[in-house]
Amino acid sequence: MKDERAAALRILEDSVRNRGTAFTEDDRSRLGLRGLLPATVETLEQQVARAYAAFRDQATDIAAHINLRALQDLNETMFYRLLTEHVEEMLPIVYTPTVGLACQRFSEIYRRPRGLFISYPDRERIGEILRNRPRPNVDVIVVTDGQRILGLGDQGVGGMGIPIGKLSLYTALGGIAPDRTLPILLDVGTDNAELLDDPMYLGWRHRRVTGDDYFHFVDQFVDAVQAELPDVLLQWEDFATPHALPILDRYRDQLLTFNDDIQGTAAVALAALTAGVTAIGSRVAEQKVVMLGAGSAGIGVCEQIVRAMVSDGLSEDDARARVYVVDIRGLVTSDRADLDPAQRRLAQPPDAVPTSDHGHEASLLDVVKAVGPTALIGLSTAAGAFTEEVVLAMAEQVERPIIMPLSNPTSRSEARPQDLADWTGGRALVATGSPFPPMRLEGGGEMPVAQCNNVYVFPGIGLAVTAVQATRVTDSMLTVAAAAVAAAATIHDDPNGALLPDRAHLADAADAVARAVARAAVEDGVAPKLTEEEVDEAIRAARWIPAYR
């Protein structure tokens, strides 16, 4: 009898198997649940309606986030049905921007364990920790070390909020079964003094491990993953620039892996750029691009744009000559000694742009005035860096400037979209990194602001590689993902539309991305040979639907 009672309680505590009040009368008798639940047997639709009312009753965004996380821990099917039915409303709560605050307050709002925490002192026991995972079969891992969370910097163990949120979207939009996802936090300490002094901080209280010790720890982690879960998709998330690119370069040809900040951001930025270029009757190869920000995300976007220009007919040298990167010092030029190899590949000649301040690198304004860019992109976390003077200098030379302040959260955006509309007389085509309200246009009317959220790309990638059993994520897979997203942008059907698809149809975008990426995987030889019909069937079969079975 005691074992039966324990088994019944385990079912109610298992978020994947628990149906709560939707357990039928037969279920309640068969599973020993009678009396453990109220008498009414509800449908999933009734449960979701009640959960939605509770969500709407929350006073703040962080309270709503906590409410949804509690529901996820209680009943995954109900949580994902609720999320898929209200994805446009709940996306900013489950993920950006609210997830940033949730990361900052992670130790304070922590309730129940989810995922794995691998701390540096346990570095010789990583295999054991992976074997402690809640579910044996895993298709997707999202891992972070918490060092560069959004635009908020080092959040230490609080960075776990990002893999949890990201994997929620893999499931809600990409259809990856929730019990086949695994969030992981590599706890190598934190350099955030406030966290180290916080008595509630739950992470390893130590300054961050650096140098060879850090990379050896990552090697140990990857070796353990390959031993335990050799076919899993391993996504790197929110690693600082000195680590992000070297980690990607080290492992991208060894296992099924990608870095969403570098490659996912690049794909969705290229999608928005492509949609804007197409809308004005131009080509990617004809653009001149200025990027503010020389971190891993900015460099990744630039490299993706270079590849797109080459695909559109330019030589690689000609493509690189059309991309200008500006960092905190000014224009990135080949005579600078402070560049890493990735930055150096995008450096311009020292005399590419005259400077207004003798002895210093050309400023963003100098570059815009001299180059006349058709596209201005920001991944700098420098709030307000796209000033009226910079924007006007661009708009004087370009009829429909494409301006993309992509830094997030909202407080770190390089510009407010409404300012961009006002300064350009509504001519600017705008995409941002964080959500903003529609831009009001002169003479009335509004234009929605496309949010370059990686959610347009990564759920479809996850579904594709899982469905066709891909072994690598190639550059061409990311390029076709961008093309699939660009093709569905609403600006193609409405001159006042957005540079990205309607967020109410994110699941449709994920399906389109999945089909394109899966076919590219087959063409690149990193997935078994399948016909287009077999690819489509594999994707349909792999998609998990939030319903009681």
Protein backbone atom coordinates (compact mmCIF):
# COMPACT_ATOMS: atom_id res chain seq x y z
CA MET A 1 0.00 0.00 0.00
CA LYS A 2 2.83 2.38 0.87
CA ASP A 3 4.46 1.76 -2.52
CA GLU A 4 1.16 2.47 -4.31
CA ARG A 5 0.73 5.76 -2.44
CA ALA A 6 4.30 6.76 -3.27
CA ALA A 7 3.76 5.91 -6.95
CA ALA A 8 0.60 8.03 -7.05
CA LEU A 9 2.39 11.00 -5.53
CA ARG A 10 5.29 10.60 -7.97
CA ILE A 11 2.84 10.90 -10.87
CA LEU A 12 1.41 14.13 -9.49
CA GLU A 13 4.92 15.49 -8.95
CA ASP A 14 6.11 14.53 -12.44
CA SER A 15 5.47 17.54 -14.67
CA VAL A 16 5.50 15.42 -17.83
CA ARG A 17 3.05 12.73 -16.66
CA ASN A 18 0.86 14.86 -14.40
CA ARG A 19 -2.58 15.74 -15.78
CA GLY A 20 -3.95 17.19 -12.55
CA THR A 21 -7.71 17.62 -12.64
CA ALA A 22 -7.79 16.12 -16.15
CA PHE A 23 -7.17 12.59 -14.84
CA THR A 24 -10.30 10.61 -15.69
CA GLU A 25 -12.33 8.59 -13.20
CA ASP A 26 -10.70 5.42 -14.52
CA ASP A 27 -7.23 7.03 -14.23
CA ARG A 28 -7.89 7.99 -10.63
CA SER A 29 -8.86 4.46 -9.67
CA ARG A 30 -6.15 2.74 -11.69
CA LEU A 31 -3.31 5.01 -10.53
CA GLY A 32 -4.33 5.37 -6.89
CA LEU A 33 -5.22 9.05 -7.27
CA ARG A 34 -8.75 8.96 -5.93
CA GLY A 35 -9.19 11.57 -3.24
CA LEU A 36 -5.91 13.29 -4.10
CA LEU A 37 -7.69 15.58 -6.58
CA PRO A 38 -10.92 17.61 -6.49
CA ALA A 39 -13.99 15.73 -7.74
CA THR A 40 -14.44 17.57 -11.04
CA VAL A 41 -12.75 16.03 -14.08
CA GLU A 42 -11.65 18.86 -16.41
CA THR A 43 -10.64 18.93 -20.03
CA LEU A 44 -7.28 20.38 -21.01
CA GLU A 45 -9.15 23.35 -22.49
CA GLN A 46 -10.80 24.06 -19.14
CA GLN A 47 -7.48 23.79 -17.34
CA VAL A 48 -5.85 26.20 -19.79
CA ALA A 49 -8.66 28.72 -19.39
CA ARG A 50 -8.19 28.67 -15.62
CA ALA A 51 -4.41 28.97 -15.97
CA TYR A 52 -4.78 31.90 -18.36
CA ALA A 53 -7.04 33.71 -15.90
CA ALA A 54 -4.38 33.23 -13.21
CA PHE A 55 -1.70 34.53 -15.56
CA ARG A 56 -3.73 37.64 -16.37
CA ASP A 57 -4.25 38.23 -12.65
CA GLN A 58 -0.53 38.73 -11.98
CA ALA A 59 0.39 42.30 -11.01
CA THR A 60 3.85 42.48 -12.60
CA ASP A 61 5.79 40.86 -15.41
CA ILE A 62 8.12 39.09 -13.00
CA ALA A 63 5.12 37.76 -11.08
CA ALA A 64 3.68 36.49 -14.37
CA HIS A 65 7.04 34.84 -15.15
CA ILE A 66 7.06 33.10 -11.78
CA ASN A 67 3.46 32.01 -12.33
CA LEU A 68 4.29 30.41 -15.68
CA ARG A 69 7.42 28.72 -14.36
CA ALA A 70 5.38 27.23 -11.50
CA LEU A 71 2.86 25.90 -14.01
CA GLN A 72 5.68 24.43 -16.10
CA ASP A 73 7.00 22.63 -13.03
CA LEU A 74 3.51 21.30 -12.27
CA ASN A 75 2.13 20.24 -15.67
CA GLU A 76 4.15 20.61 -18.86
CA THR A 77 1.27 19.76 -21.18
CA MET A 78 -0.97 22.44 -19.71
CA PHE A 79 1.91 24.95 -19.71
CA TYR A 80 2.75 24.40 -23.36
CA ARG A 81 -0.87 24.42 -24.51
CA LEU A 82 -1.30 27.75 -22.71
CA LEU A 83 1.93 29.13 -24.19
CA THR A 84 1.14 28.05 -27.75
CA GLU A 85 -2.34 29.57 -27.57
CA HIS A 86 -1.03 32.92 -26.29
CA VAL A 87 2.53 32.94 -27.63
CA GLU A 88 2.56 36.56 -28.76
CA GLU A 89 1.40 37.76 -25.35
CA MET A 90 3.58 35.43 -23.31
CA LEU A 91 6.83 35.46 -25.30
CA PRO A 92 8.08 38.65 -23.57
CA ILE A 93 7.28 37.03 -20.20
CA VAL A 94 8.81 33.61 -20.82
CA TYR A 95 11.81 35.10 -22.60
CA THR A 96 13.10 38.58 -23.36
CA PRO A 97 12.84 41.03 -21.77
CA THR A 98 11.38 39.59 -18.53
CA VAL A 99 13.77 36.63 -18.42
CA GLY A 100 16.59 39.13 -17.85
CA LEU A 101 15.00 40.26 -14.60
CA ALA A 102 14.35 36.63 -13.70
CA CYS A 103 18.07 35.91 -14.13
CA GLN A 104 18.98 38.86 -11.93
CA ARG A 105 16.60 37.58 -9.24
CA PHE A 106 17.21 33.87 -9.83
CA SER A 107 18.38 33.04 -6.31
CA GLU A 108 15.52 35.02 -4.81
CA ILE A 109 12.75 33.42 -6.85
CA TYR A 110 14.23 29.89 -7.03
CA ARG A 111 11.57 27.27 -6.21
CA ARG A 112 12.28 23.88 -7.77
CA PRO A 113 15.27 22.33 -9.56
CA ARG A 114 15.21 22.18 -13.35
CA GLY A 115 18.15 21.06 -15.45
CA LEU A 116 21.71 20.43 -14.30
CA PHE A 117 24.16 22.67 -12.45
CA ILE A 118 27.75 21.66 -13.16
CA SER A 119 30.09 23.59 -10.88
CA TYR A 120 33.84 23.84 -11.31
CA PRO A 121 34.61 21.98 -8.04
CA ASP A 122 32.72 19.00 -9.54
CA ARG A 123 34.78 19.01 -12.73
CA GLU A 124 35.98 15.44 -12.21
CA ARG A 125 32.38 14.23 -11.78
CA ILE A 126 30.70 15.68 -14.87
CA GLY A 127 29.84 12.25 -16.26
CA GLU A 128 28.15 11.34 -12.98
CA ILE A 129 26.20 14.62 -13.05
CA LEU A 130 25.02 13.99 -16.60
CA ARG A 131 23.87 10.52 -15.59
CA ASN A 132 21.75 12.20 -12.89
CA ARG A 133 19.70 13.97 -15.57
CA PRO A 134 15.95 13.67 -14.94
CA ARG A 135 15.19 12.00 -18.31
CA PRO A 136 17.41 9.49 -20.12
CA ASN A 137 16.73 10.58 -23.72
CA VAL A 138 17.71 14.13 -24.66
CA ASP A 139 17.51 15.76 -28.08
CA VAL A 140 18.54 19.34 -27.22
CA ILE A 141 20.82 20.83 -24.57
CA VAL A 142 21.12 24.57 -24.05
CA VAL A 143 24.16 25.45 -21.95
CA THR A 144 25.45 28.74 -20.55
CA ASP A 145 28.10 29.86 -18.10
CA GLY A 146 26.07 32.94 -17.17
CA GLN A 147 28.79 35.45 -18.04
CA ARG A 148 27.05 37.56 -20.70
CA ILE A 149 23.35 37.37 -20.01
CA LEU A 150 21.54 39.50 -22.59
CA GLY A 151 22.94 43.02 -22.08
CA LEU A 152 23.08 42.56 -18.30
CA GLY A 153 26.53 41.03 -17.98
CA ASP A 154 27.65 38.43 -15.46
CA GLN A 155 24.71 36.82 -13.64
CA GLY A 156 26.53 33.73 -12.43
CA VAL A 157 24.20 30.87 -11.55
CA GLY A 158 21.25 33.13 -12.39
CA GLY A 159 22.10 32.58 -16.03
CA MET A 160 20.19 29.29 -15.78
CA GLY A 161 17.05 31.28 -16.55
CA ILE A 162 18.21 31.60 -20.16
CA PRO A 163 18.52 27.88 -21.02
CA ILE A 164 15.21 27.19 -19.27
CA GLY A 165 13.45 29.94 -21.22
CA LYS A 166 15.12 29.03 -24.50
CA LEU A 167 14.17 25.37 -24.24
CA SER A 168 10.58 26.36 -23.46
CA LEU A 169 10.50 27.94 -26.91
CA TYR A 170 12.19 24.93 -28.53
CA THR A 171 9.17 22.99 -27.30
CA ALA A 172 6.38 25.53 -27.78
CA LEU A 173 7.43 26.52 -31.31
CA GLY A 174 9.75 23.78 -32.55
CA GLY A 175 7.83 20.88 -31.10
CA ILE A 176 10.77 19.32 -29.26
CA ALA A 177 9.24 17.10 -26.56
CA PRO A 178 9.79 18.77 -23.16
CA ASP A 179 11.15 15.58 -21.59
CA ARG A 180 13.84 15.49 -24.31
CA THR A 181 15.32 18.90 -23.46
CA LEU A 182 17.99 19.66 -20.87
CA PRO A 183 19.12 23.09 -19.59
CA ILE A 184 22.65 23.19 -18.17
CA LEU A 185 24.54 25.84 -16.21
CA LEU A 186 28.33 25.66 -16.12
CA ASP A 187 29.07 27.34 -12.79
CA VAL A 188 32.64 28.61 -13.02
CA GLY A 189 32.08 31.35 -10.44
CA THR A 190 31.15 34.98 -10.96
CA ASP A 191 32.92 38.32 -11.05
CA ASN A 192 29.71 40.11 -10.08
CA ALA A 193 30.59 41.54 -6.65
CA GLU A 194 26.93 42.08 -5.73
CA LEU A 195 26.22 38.39 -6.23
CA LEU A 196 29.28 37.29 -4.26
CA ASP A 197 28.14 39.50 -1.36
CA ASP A 198 24.50 38.42 -1.60
CA PRO A 199 23.68 35.97 1.23
CA MET A 200 20.94 34.40 -0.93
CA TYR A 201 23.21 33.74 -3.94
CA LEU A 202 22.95 30.04 -4.84
CA GLY A 203 26.03 29.66 -7.03
CA TRP A 204 29.65 28.78 -6.35
CA ARG A 205 31.05 31.75 -4.39
CA HIS A 206 34.29 32.25 -6.22
CA ARG A 207 35.77 34.57 -8.80
CA ARG A 208 35.41 33.26 -12.34
CA VAL A 209 37.81 30.58 -13.51
CA THR A 210 39.75 31.86 -16.51
CA GLY A 211 42.44 30.94 -19.00
CA ASP A 212 43.49 27.36 -19.65
CA ASP A 213 41.61 26.13 -16.57
CA TYR A 214 38.36 27.44 -18.02
CA PHE A 215 38.84 25.88 -21.46
CA HIS A 216 39.94 22.58 -19.92
CA PHE A 217 36.71 22.54 -17.91
CA VAL A 218 34.70 23.11 -21.09
CA ASP A 219 36.66 20.28 -22.76
CA GLN A 220 35.73 18.00 -19.87
CA PHE A 221 32.09 18.98 -20.25
CA VAL A 222 32.04 18.34 -24.00
CA ASP A 223 33.81 14.98 -23.58
CA ALA A 224 31.21 13.93 -21.02
CA VAL A 225 28.33 15.02 -23.28
CA GLN A 226 29.78 13.09 -26.20
CA ALA A 227 30.13 10.01 -24.03
CA GLU A 228 26.64 10.21 -22.51
CA LEU A 229 24.60 11.82 -25.30
CA PRO A 230 26.58 11.58 -28.54
CA ASP A 231 23.70 12.59 -30.84
CA VAL A 232 22.37 15.56 -28.86
CA LEU A 233 22.16 19.10 -30.26
CA LEU A 234 24.36 21.23 -27.99
CA GLN A 235 23.53 24.94 -28.13
CA TRP A 236 25.90 27.45 -26.52
CA GLU A 237 24.18 30.49 -25.04
CA ASP A 238 25.34 33.82 -23.57
CA PHE A 239 29.08 33.12 -23.37
CA ALA A 240 31.34 36.18 -23.29
CA THR A 241 33.17 37.13 -26.49
CA PRO A 242 36.63 35.82 -25.40
CA HIS A 243 35.06 32.39 -24.94
CA ALA A 244 32.15 32.23 -27.40
CA LEU A 245 34.05 32.24 -30.69
CA PRO A 246 36.92 29.97 -29.56
CA ILE A 247 34.42 27.43 -28.19
CA LEU A 248 32.41 27.47 -31.41
CA ASP A 249 35.51 27.16 -33.58
CA ARG A 250 36.83 24.33 -31.42
CA TYR A 251 33.75 22.12 -31.50
CA ARG A 252 31.64 22.99 -34.53
CA ASP A 253 33.30 20.31 -36.69
CA GLN A 254 33.34 17.70 -33.92
CA LEU A 255 29.70 17.48 -32.88
CA LEU A 256 26.16 18.71 -33.53
CA THR A 257 26.46 22.20 -32.09
CA PHE A 258 25.96 25.90 -32.69
CA ASN A 259 26.14 29.19 -30.80
CA ASP A 260 22.81 30.99 -30.90
CA ASP A 261 24.25 34.40 -29.99
CA ILE A 262 26.66 34.22 -32.91
CA GLN A 263 24.90 32.10 -35.54
CA GLY A 264 21.24 32.43 -34.55
CA THR A 265 21.51 36.19 -34.17
CA ALA A 266 23.32 36.35 -37.51
CA ALA A 267 20.60 34.36 -39.26
CA VAL A 268 17.68 36.42 -37.97
CA ALA A 269 19.52 39.70 -38.62
CA LEU A 270 20.23 38.57 -42.18
CA ALA A 271 16.56 37.63 -42.53
CA ALA A 272 15.45 41.14 -41.55
CA LEU A 273 18.08 42.74 -43.78
CA THR A 274 17.08 40.54 -46.71
CA ALA A 275 13.40 41.35 -46.26
CA GLY A 276 14.16 45.07 -46.19
CA VAL A 277 16.42 44.89 -49.23
CA THR A 278 13.83 42.91 -51.18
CA ALA A 279 11.06 45.32 -50.20
CA ILE A 280 12.92 48.28 -51.71
CA GLY A 281 13.80 46.38 -54.87
CA SER A 282 17.49 45.91 -54.15
CA ARG A 283 19.89 43.02 -53.51
CA VAL A 284 22.02 42.02 -50.54
CA ALA A 285 25.16 42.34 -52.71
CA GLU A 286 24.40 46.04 -53.28
CA GLN A 287 24.32 46.97 -49.60
CA LYS A 288 26.88 48.84 -47.54
CA VAL A 289 26.67 47.82 -43.90
CA VAL A 290 27.94 49.51 -40.76
CA MET A 291 27.96 47.39 -37.60
CA LEU A 292 28.32 49.03 -34.18
CA GLY A 293 29.72 46.35 -31.91
CA ALA A 294 32.68 44.03 -32.41
CA GLY A 295 31.70 41.33 -29.95
CA SER A 296 30.94 37.75 -30.91
CA ALA A 297 27.35 38.54 -31.93
CA GLY A 298 28.30 41.53 -34.08
CA ILE A 299 31.13 39.66 -35.78
CA GLY A 300 28.81 36.70 -36.38
CA VAL A 301 26.22 38.90 -38.07
CA CYS A 302 28.85 40.49 -40.29
CA GLU A 303 30.25 37.13 -41.36
CA GLN A 304 26.75 35.92 -42.22
CA ILE A 305 26.16 39.05 -44.31
CA VAL A 306 29.48 38.50 -46.08
CA ARG A 307 28.46 34.92 -46.94
CA ALA A 308 25.11 36.19 -48.24
CA MET A 309 26.85 38.80 -50.42
CA VAL A 310 29.15 36.14 -51.83
CA SER A 311 26.13 33.94 -52.57
CA ASP A 312 24.63 36.97 -54.33
CA GLY A 313 27.58 37.27 -56.70
CA LEU A 314 30.37 39.23 -54.98
CA SER A 315 33.88 37.99 -54.38
CA GLU A 316 34.75 37.56 -50.71
CA ASP A 317 37.13 40.54 -50.82
CA ASP A 318 34.49 42.76 -52.38
CA ALA A 319 31.93 41.62 -49.82
CA ARG A 320 34.23 42.36 -46.88
CA ALA A 321 34.98 45.79 -48.34
CA ARG A 322 31.28 46.65 -47.97
CA VAL A 323 31.09 45.83 -44.25
CA TYR A 324 32.43 48.31 -41.66
CA VAL A 325 32.72 47.41 -37.98
CA VAL A 326 32.90 50.09 -35.28
CA ASP A 327 33.67 49.34 -31.64
CA ILE A 328 34.23 51.43 -28.53
CA ARG A 329 37.50 52.80 -29.95
CA GLY A 330 36.11 53.55 -33.40
CA LEU A 331 36.41 51.93 -36.82
CA VAL A 332 38.05 48.51 -36.71
CA THR A 333 41.12 48.84 -38.96
CA SER A 334 43.88 46.44 -39.83
CA ASP A 335 46.60 48.49 -38.11
CA ARG A 336 45.10 48.02 -34.67
CA ALA A 337 46.94 45.68 -32.30
CA ASP A 338 43.96 44.91 -30.07
CA LEU A 339 41.97 42.76 -32.51
CA ASP A 340 41.31 39.04 -32.21
CA PRO A 341 41.50 36.89 -35.36
CA ALA A 342 37.75 37.07 -36.01
CA GLN A 343 37.72 40.86 -35.76
CA ARG A 344 40.82 41.15 -37.93
CA ARG A 345 39.06 39.35 -40.80
CA LEU A 346 36.58 42.24 -40.90
CA ALA A 347 39.09 45.06 -40.42
CA GLN A 348 39.17 47.86 -43.00
CA PRO A 349 42.39 49.48 -44.29
CA PRO A 350 43.71 52.22 -41.98
CA ASP A 351 42.81 54.96 -44.48
CA ALA A 352 39.33 53.61 -45.32
CA VAL A 353 37.58 56.48 -43.53
CA PRO A 354 38.99 59.91 -42.65
CA THR A 355 38.69 60.80 -38.97
CA SER A 356 37.37 64.04 -37.53
CA ASP A 357 39.56 63.58 -34.44
CA HIS A 358 43.24 63.40 -35.39
CA GLY A 359 45.05 60.55 -33.69
CA HIS A 360 41.91 58.51 -33.06
CA GLU A 361 40.02 55.91 -35.06
CA ALA A 362 37.10 57.13 -37.14
CA SER A 363 33.93 57.44 -35.06
CA LEU A 364 30.54 56.00 -35.93
CA LEU A 365 29.48 59.40 -37.28
CA ASP A 366 32.66 59.63 -39.37
CA VAL A 367 31.99 56.21 -40.88
CA VAL A 368 28.34 56.93 -41.65
CA LYS A 369 29.17 60.24 -43.31
CA ALA A 370 31.97 58.73 -45.40
CA VAL A 371 30.42 55.39 -46.32
CA GLY A 372 26.75 56.26 -46.81
CA PRO A 373 25.58 52.90 -45.47
CA THR A 374 22.30 51.43 -46.57
CA ALA A 375 22.10 49.41 -43.35
CA LEU A 376 23.12 50.39 -39.81
CA ILE A 377 23.15 47.57 -37.24
CA GLY A 378 23.87 47.75 -33.52
CA LEU A 379 25.02 44.97 -31.22
CA SER A 380 26.99 47.13 -28.83
CA THR A 381 24.71 47.40 -25.73
CA ALA A 382 25.51 51.15 -25.97
CA ALA A 383 22.12 52.72 -25.24
CA GLY A 384 21.28 55.65 -27.53
CA ALA A 385 24.40 55.25 -29.69
CA PHE A 386 22.35 55.79 -32.86
CA THR A 387 21.94 59.52 -32.24
CA GLU A 388 19.85 61.90 -34.28
CA GLU A 389 23.03 63.26 -35.90
CA VAL A 390 24.13 59.77 -36.97
CA VAL A 391 20.69 58.82 -38.28
CA LEU A 392 20.23 62.08 -40.18
CA ALA A 393 23.68 61.68 -41.77
CA MET A 394 22.57 58.25 -42.99
CA ALA A 395 19.10 59.35 -44.11
CA GLU A 396 20.54 62.20 -46.17
CA GLN A 397 22.29 59.63 -48.38
CA VAL A 398 19.76 56.77 -48.46
CA GLU A 399 16.08 56.90 -49.37
CA ARG A 400 15.00 53.92 -47.20
CA PRO A 401 17.66 53.39 -44.52
CA ILE A 402 17.58 49.99 -42.81
CA ILE A 403 18.34 50.58 -39.13
CA MET A 404 18.57 47.71 -36.68
CA PRO A 405 19.35 48.52 -33.01
CA LEU A 406 19.60 44.91 -31.87
CA SER A 407 21.02 45.18 -28.36
CA ASN A 408 18.81 44.05 -25.53
CA PRO A 409 17.25 44.38 -23.05
CA THR A 410 15.26 47.45 -24.03
CA SER A 411 17.36 49.69 -21.81
CA ARG A 412 20.47 48.88 -23.88
CA SER A 413 18.96 49.50 -27.34
CA GLU A 414 21.01 51.78 -29.60
CA ALA A 415 17.87 53.77 -30.46
CA ARG A 416 14.14 53.98 -29.87
CA PRO A 417 12.19 53.06 -33.01
CA GLN A 418 9.85 56.04 -32.64
CA ASP A 419 12.86 58.37 -32.72
CA LEU A 420 14.10 56.66 -35.87
CA ALA A 421 10.70 57.17 -37.50
CA ASP A 422 10.56 60.81 -36.44
CA TRP A 423 14.10 61.63 -37.56
CA THR A 424 13.66 60.03 -40.99
CA GLY A 425 10.11 61.11 -41.68
CA GLY A 426 8.94 57.51 -41.46
CA ARG A 427 11.38 56.33 -44.15
CA ALA A 428 13.43 54.04 -41.92
CA LEU A 429 12.92 50.29 -42.06
CA VAL A 430 13.47 49.21 -38.47
CA ALA A 431 14.16 45.99 -36.61
CA THR A 432 15.15 45.80 -32.95
CA GLY A 433 16.47 43.27 -30.47
CA SER A 434 13.81 43.90 -27.83
CA PRO A 435 10.06 44.40 -28.20
CA PHE A 436 8.85 47.96 -28.91
CA PRO A 437 5.42 49.38 -29.71
CA PRO A 438 4.57 50.25 -33.34
CA MET A 439 6.06 53.42 -34.79
CA ARG A 440 3.57 56.25 -35.38
CA LEU A 441 3.97 57.68 -38.86
CA GLU A 442 3.56 61.25 -40.10
CA GLY A 443 0.07 61.78 -41.45
CA GLY A 444 -1.33 58.93 -39.39
CA GLY A 445 -0.92 55.20 -39.44
CA GLU A 446 1.51 52.88 -37.74
CA MET A 447 4.34 50.56 -38.70
CA PRO A 448 5.08 47.52 -36.53
CA VAL A 449 8.62 47.09 -35.24
CA ALA A 450 10.14 43.74 -36.13
CA GLN A 451 11.89 42.18 -33.15
CA CYS A 452 15.01 40.31 -34.28
CA ASN A 453 14.49 37.62 -31.71
CA ASN A 454 16.41 34.42 -32.36
CA VAL A 455 13.15 32.61 -31.67
CA TYR A 456 12.50 32.92 -35.41
CA VAL A 457 15.41 30.57 -36.07
CA PHE A 458 16.53 28.22 -33.31
CA PRO A 459 13.28 26.24 -32.73
CA GLY A 460 13.19 25.29 -36.42
CA ILE A 461 16.86 24.32 -36.36
CA GLY A 462 16.22 22.08 -33.36
CA LEU A 463 13.24 20.42 -35.02
CA ALA A 464 15.15 19.93 -38.29
CA VAL A 465 18.27 18.31 -36.88
CA THR A 466 16.22 16.11 -34.57
CA ALA A 467 13.86 15.00 -37.35
CA VAL A 468 16.53 14.07 -39.90
CA GLN A 469 19.23 13.01 -37.43
CA ALA A 470 21.77 15.57 -38.58
CA THR A 471 25.32 15.32 -37.25
CA ARG A 472 26.45 18.93 -37.79
CA VAL A 473 25.05 22.46 -38.13
CA THR A 474 26.57 23.95 -41.29
CA ASP A 475 26.78 27.54 -42.54
CA SER A 476 24.40 26.77 -45.38
CA MET A 477 21.81 25.45 -42.92
CA LEU A 478 21.83 28.84 -41.20
CA THR A 479 21.71 30.71 -44.51
CA VAL A 480 18.60 28.86 -45.66
CA ALA A 481 17.05 29.43 -42.23
CA ALA A 482 17.48 33.17 -42.77
CA ALA A 483 15.97 32.95 -46.25
CA ALA A 484 12.94 31.05 -44.95
CA VAL A 485 12.30 33.68 -42.29
CA ALA A 486 12.81 36.58 -44.74
CA ALA A 487 10.36 35.09 -47.21
CA ALA A 488 7.56 35.25 -44.64
CA ALA A 489 8.13 38.89 -43.57
CA THR A 490 4.91 40.88 -43.58
CA ILE A 491 6.50 43.80 -45.45
CA HIS A 492 6.20 41.78 -48.66
CA ASP A 493 2.40 42.07 -48.50
CA ASP A 494 2.09 45.46 -46.79
CA PRO A 495 4.36 48.51 -47.38
CA ASN A 496 3.90 49.35 -43.69
CA GLY A 497 4.55 45.77 -42.63
CA ALA A 498 7.47 44.44 -40.61
CA LEU A 499 10.86 43.07 -41.67
CA LEU A 500 10.02 39.72 -40.05
CA PRO A 501 7.00 37.39 -39.94
CA ASP A 502 4.03 38.10 -37.70
CA ARG A 503 4.88 36.84 -34.22
CA ALA A 504 1.44 35.28 -33.92
CA HIS A 505 2.64 32.76 -36.54
CA LEU A 506 5.99 31.81 -35.00
CA ALA A 507 5.15 28.10 -35.10
CA ASP A 508 4.56 28.38 -38.86
CA ALA A 509 7.92 30.12 -39.22
CA ALA A 510 9.57 27.32 -37.24
CA ASP A 511 8.07 24.75 -39.62
CA ALA A 512 9.33 26.66 -42.67
CA VAL A 513 12.80 26.96 -41.13
CA ALA A 514 12.80 23.28 -40.19
CA ARG A 515 11.98 22.16 -43.74
CA ALA A 516 14.65 24.42 -45.26
CA VAL A 517 17.32 23.46 -42.70
CA ALA A 518 16.57 19.74 -42.95
CA ARG A 519 16.88 19.80 -46.75
CA ALA A 520 20.16 21.72 -46.46
CA ALA A 521 21.46 19.14 -43.99
CA VAL A 522 20.70 16.38 -46.49
CA GLU A 523 22.32 18.34 -49.33
CA ASP A 524 25.41 19.04 -47.20
CA GLY A 525 25.78 15.34 -46.43
CA VAL A 526 25.37 15.75 -42.66
CA ALA A 527 22.06 13.86 -42.57
CA PRO A 528 20.86 10.62 -44.18
CA LYS A 529 19.65 10.82 -47.77
CA LEU A 530 15.95 11.67 -47.80
CA THR A 531 13.54 12.90 -50.44
CA GLU A 532 11.69 16.16 -49.87
CA GLU A 533 8.56 14.18 -49.03
CA GLU A 534 10.50 12.07 -46.54
CA VAL A 535 11.92 15.21 -44.94
CA ASP A 536 8.44 16.67 -44.52
CA GLU A 537 7.16 13.42 -43.02
CA ALA A 538 10.12 13.20 -40.63
CA ILE A 539 9.41 16.74 -39.40
CA ARG A 540 5.71 15.97 -38.88
CA ALA A 541 6.58 12.80 -36.98
CA ALA A 542 9.13 14.55 -34.75
CA ARG A 543 6.87 17.43 -33.68
CA TRP A 544 5.47 17.08 -30.14
CA ILE A 545 1.94 18.40 -29.61
CA PRO A 546 0.77 19.56 -26.14
CA ALA A 547 -2.17 17.22 -25.63
CA TYR A 548 -3.00 14.44 -23.19
CA ARG A 549 -2.53 11.05 -24.76
